[in-house]
Amino acid sequence: MASKKDSYEGMMEKLEKILADMEDGNLSLEKTLKHYEEGMELYNKLYKTLNEAEGKIKVLTENGEKDFLKESDTNE
């Protein structure tokens, strides 16, 4: 099981904190760049996670529709 840090929700929380820190405007340029880099890495992981989930949903939906159509054909 994924830890909270590795979960989608955990990554979103971390990204939101990074954004809030950057929006405060109290970070040095060096820290801002580090936060930006971290944020982009998290963004890419989140994007990948969502794409994988979307793919799984499409497969499940397509299989469900095929199974449903097969059952409907046999009931006629």
N, C-alpha and C. Protein backbone atom coordinates (compact mmCIF):
# COMPACT_ATOMS: atom_id res chain seq x y z
N MET A 1 0.85 -1.19 0.00
CA MET A 1 0.00 0.00 0.00
C MET A 1 0.88 1.24 0.00
N ALA A 2 0.53 2.23 -0.78
CA ALA A 2 1.32 3.45 -0.89
C ALA A 2 1.23 4.26 0.40
N SER A 3 2.33 4.88 0.75
CA SER A 3 2.30 5.73 1.94
C SER A 3 1.55 7.02 1.62
N LYS A 4 1.20 7.77 2.66
CA LYS A 4 0.45 9.01 2.46
C LYS A 4 1.23 9.98 1.57
N LYS A 5 2.57 10.00 1.74
CA LYS A 5 3.39 10.90 0.92
C LYS A 5 3.31 10.54 -0.55
N ASP A 6 3.20 9.23 -0.85
CA ASP A 6 3.17 8.78 -2.23
C ASP A 6 1.77 8.74 -2.81
N SER A 7 0.76 8.93 -1.97
CA SER A 7 -0.61 8.89 -2.47
C SER A 7 -0.90 10.16 -3.26
N TYR A 8 -1.92 10.09 -4.08
CA TYR A 8 -2.33 11.25 -4.86
C TYR A 8 -2.66 12.42 -3.94
N GLU A 9 -3.40 12.11 -2.89
CA GLU A 9 -3.82 13.16 -1.95
C GLU A 9 -2.61 13.77 -1.24
N GLY A 10 -1.66 12.92 -0.85
CA GLY A 10 -0.45 13.41 -0.19
C GLY A 10 0.37 14.31 -1.09
N MET A 11 0.49 13.91 -2.36
CA MET A 11 1.23 14.74 -3.32
C MET A 11 0.52 16.07 -3.55
N MET A 12 -0.82 16.03 -3.60
CA MET A 12 -1.58 17.28 -3.79
C MET A 12 -1.38 18.22 -2.61
N GLU A 13 -1.40 17.68 -1.40
CA GLU A 13 -1.19 18.51 -0.21
C GLU A 13 0.19 19.18 -0.26
N LYS A 14 1.19 18.39 -0.64
CA LYS A 14 2.55 18.93 -0.70
C LYS A 14 2.63 20.02 -1.78
N LEU A 15 2.02 19.78 -2.93
CA LEU A 15 2.04 20.78 -4.00
C LEU A 15 1.33 22.06 -3.56
N GLU A 16 0.21 21.91 -2.88
CA GLU A 16 -0.53 23.08 -2.39
C GLU A 16 0.30 23.89 -1.39
N LYS A 17 1.07 23.19 -0.54
CA LYS A 17 1.94 23.88 0.42
C LYS A 17 3.05 24.62 -0.31
N ILE A 18 3.63 23.98 -1.30
CA ILE A 18 4.69 24.63 -2.09
C ILE A 18 4.15 25.90 -2.73
N LEU A 19 2.96 25.80 -3.33
CA LEU A 19 2.36 26.96 -3.98
C LEU A 19 2.09 28.09 -2.98
N ALA A 20 1.58 27.71 -1.82
CA ALA A 20 1.29 28.73 -0.80
C ALA A 20 2.58 29.42 -0.36
N ASP A 21 3.64 28.64 -0.15
CA ASP A 21 4.93 29.23 0.24
C ASP A 21 5.44 30.20 -0.83
N MET A 22 5.28 29.81 -2.09
CA MET A 22 5.76 30.66 -3.18
C MET A 22 4.91 31.92 -3.32
N GLU A 23 3.61 31.79 -3.10
CA GLU A 23 2.72 32.94 -3.22
C GLU A 23 2.96 33.96 -2.12
N ASP A 24 3.46 33.52 -0.97
CA ASP A 24 3.77 34.46 0.12
C ASP A 24 4.80 35.50 -0.30
N GLY A 25 5.70 35.10 -1.17
CA GLY A 25 6.72 36.04 -1.66
C GLY A 25 7.85 36.28 -0.69
N ASN A 26 7.98 35.46 0.35
CA ASN A 26 9.03 35.65 1.35
C ASN A 26 10.24 34.75 1.13
N LEU A 27 10.27 34.02 0.03
CA LEU A 27 11.37 33.10 -0.24
C LEU A 27 12.46 33.80 -1.04
N SER A 28 13.68 33.35 -0.82
CA SER A 28 14.78 33.85 -1.63
C SER A 28 14.64 33.28 -3.04
N LEU A 29 15.37 33.83 -3.97
CA LEU A 29 15.32 33.35 -5.34
C LEU A 29 15.73 31.88 -5.39
N GLU A 30 16.77 31.53 -4.65
CA GLU A 30 17.25 30.15 -4.62
C GLU A 30 16.18 29.19 -4.12
N LYS A 31 15.52 29.56 -3.02
CA LYS A 31 14.46 28.70 -2.47
C LYS A 31 13.25 28.66 -3.39
N THR A 32 12.95 29.77 -4.04
CA THR A 32 11.83 29.81 -4.98
C THR A 32 12.09 28.85 -6.13
N LEU A 33 13.32 28.86 -6.66
CA LEU A 33 13.65 27.94 -7.75
C LEU A 33 13.58 26.48 -7.31
N LYS A 34 14.04 26.21 -6.08
CA LYS A 34 13.97 24.85 -5.55
C LYS A 34 12.51 24.42 -5.41
N HIS A 35 11.67 25.31 -4.88
CA HIS A 35 10.23 25.01 -4.74
C HIS A 35 9.60 24.79 -6.12
N TYR A 36 9.98 25.60 -7.08
CA TYR A 36 9.44 25.47 -8.44
C TYR A 36 9.79 24.10 -9.01
N GLU A 37 11.04 23.71 -8.83
CA GLU A 37 11.49 22.41 -9.34
C GLU A 37 10.72 21.27 -8.65
N GLU A 38 10.58 21.34 -7.35
CA GLU A 38 9.82 20.33 -6.60
C GLU A 38 8.36 20.29 -7.07
N GLY A 39 7.80 21.46 -7.25
CA GLY A 39 6.41 21.56 -7.69
C GLY A 39 6.21 20.94 -9.06
N MET A 40 7.14 21.17 -9.96
CA MET A 40 7.03 20.60 -11.31
C MET A 40 7.17 19.08 -11.27
N GLU A 41 8.04 18.57 -10.41
CA GLU A 41 8.17 17.12 -10.27
C GLU A 41 6.86 16.52 -9.74
N LEU A 42 6.28 17.16 -8.74
CA LEU A 42 5.01 16.69 -8.20
C LEU A 42 3.91 16.77 -9.25
N TYR A 43 3.88 17.87 -9.98
CA TYR A 43 2.88 18.05 -11.04
C TYR A 43 2.96 16.90 -12.04
N ASN A 44 4.18 16.56 -12.46
CA ASN A 44 4.36 15.49 -13.43
C ASN A 44 3.91 14.14 -12.87
N LYS A 45 4.20 13.87 -11.60
CA LYS A 45 3.75 12.63 -10.97
C LYS A 45 2.23 12.59 -10.89
N LEU A 46 1.63 13.72 -10.51
CA LEU A 46 0.17 13.78 -10.41
C LEU A 46 -0.48 13.59 -11.78
N TYR A 47 0.09 14.20 -12.79
CA TYR A 47 -0.43 14.08 -14.15
C TYR A 47 -0.36 12.62 -14.61
N LYS A 48 0.76 11.97 -14.34
CA LYS A 48 0.93 10.57 -14.71
C LYS A 48 -0.09 9.70 -13.97
N THR A 49 -0.27 9.96 -12.68
CA THR A 49 -1.23 9.19 -11.88
C THR A 49 -2.64 9.34 -12.45
N LEU A 50 -3.03 10.56 -12.81
CA LEU A 50 -4.36 10.79 -13.37
C LEU A 50 -4.53 10.10 -14.72
N ASN A 51 -3.50 10.15 -15.56
CA ASN A 51 -3.58 9.49 -16.86
C ASN A 51 -3.72 7.98 -16.70
N GLU A 52 -2.98 7.39 -15.75
CA GLU A 52 -3.08 5.96 -15.50
C GLU A 52 -4.49 5.61 -15.01
N ALA A 53 -5.03 6.41 -14.13
CA ALA A 53 -6.37 6.17 -13.61
C ALA A 53 -7.40 6.28 -14.74
N GLU A 54 -7.24 7.27 -15.59
CA GLU A 54 -8.16 7.44 -16.71
C GLU A 54 -8.12 6.23 -17.64
N GLY A 55 -6.91 5.72 -17.88
CA GLY A 55 -6.77 4.54 -18.73
C GLY A 55 -7.47 3.33 -18.13
N LYS A 56 -7.31 3.14 -16.82
CA LYS A 56 -7.97 2.03 -16.15
C LYS A 56 -9.48 2.16 -16.22
N ILE A 57 -9.98 3.37 -16.05
CA ILE A 57 -11.42 3.61 -16.10
C ILE A 57 -11.95 3.30 -17.50
N LYS A 58 -11.21 3.71 -18.52
CA LYS A 58 -11.64 3.42 -19.89
C LYS A 58 -11.71 1.92 -20.13
N VAL A 59 -10.69 1.19 -19.69
CA VAL A 59 -10.68 -0.26 -19.87
C VAL A 59 -11.85 -0.89 -19.13
N LEU A 60 -12.05 -0.50 -17.89
CA LEU A 60 -13.15 -1.07 -17.11
C LEU A 60 -14.50 -0.74 -17.75
N THR A 61 -14.64 0.49 -18.22
CA THR A 61 -15.89 0.90 -18.84
C THR A 61 -16.14 0.13 -20.12
N GLU A 62 -15.10 0.00 -20.96
CA GLU A 62 -15.26 -0.73 -22.22
C GLU A 62 -15.60 -2.19 -21.95
N ASN A 63 -14.91 -2.81 -20.99
CA ASN A 63 -15.21 -4.21 -20.66
C ASN A 63 -16.61 -4.34 -20.10
N GLY A 64 -17.03 -3.42 -19.27
CA GLY A 64 -18.37 -3.45 -18.72
C GLY A 64 -19.43 -3.31 -19.80
N GLU A 65 -19.18 -2.44 -20.76
CA GLU A 65 -20.13 -2.25 -21.86
C GLU A 65 -20.21 -3.52 -22.71
N LYS A 66 -19.06 -4.14 -22.97
CA LYS A 66 -19.06 -5.38 -23.76
C LYS A 66 -19.83 -6.47 -23.04
N ASP A 67 -19.56 -6.62 -21.73
CA ASP A 67 -20.26 -7.63 -20.95
C ASP A 67 -21.76 -7.35 -20.93
N PHE A 68 -22.14 -6.10 -20.78
CA PHE A 68 -23.54 -5.72 -20.75
C PHE A 68 -24.21 -6.03 -22.09
N LEU A 69 -23.51 -5.70 -23.18
CA LEU A 69 -24.08 -5.96 -24.51
C LEU A 69 -24.24 -7.46 -24.74
N LYS A 70 -23.27 -8.26 -24.30
CA LYS A 70 -23.37 -9.71 -24.44
C LYS A 70 -24.58 -10.24 -23.68
N GLU A 71 -24.79 -9.76 -22.46
CA GLU A 71 -25.93 -10.20 -21.65
C GLU A 71 -27.24 -9.77 -22.30
N SER A 72 -27.27 -8.58 -22.89
CA SER A 72 -28.49 -8.09 -23.52
C SER A 72 -28.82 -8.94 -24.75
N ASP A 73 -27.79 -9.33 -25.51
CA ASP A 73 -28.02 -10.14 -26.71
C ASP A 73 -28.57 -11.52 -26.37
N THR A 74 -28.13 -12.11 -25.27
CA THR A 74 -28.60 -13.43 -24.88
C THR A 74 -29.99 -13.41 -24.28
N ASN A 75 -30.42 -12.25 -23.79
CA ASN A 75 -31.75 -12.14 -23.19
C ASN A 75 -32.84 -11.90 -24.23
N GLU A 76 -32.47 -11.60 -25.44
CA GLU A 76 -33.50 -11.28 -26.46
C GLU A 76 -34.09 -12.51 -27.05
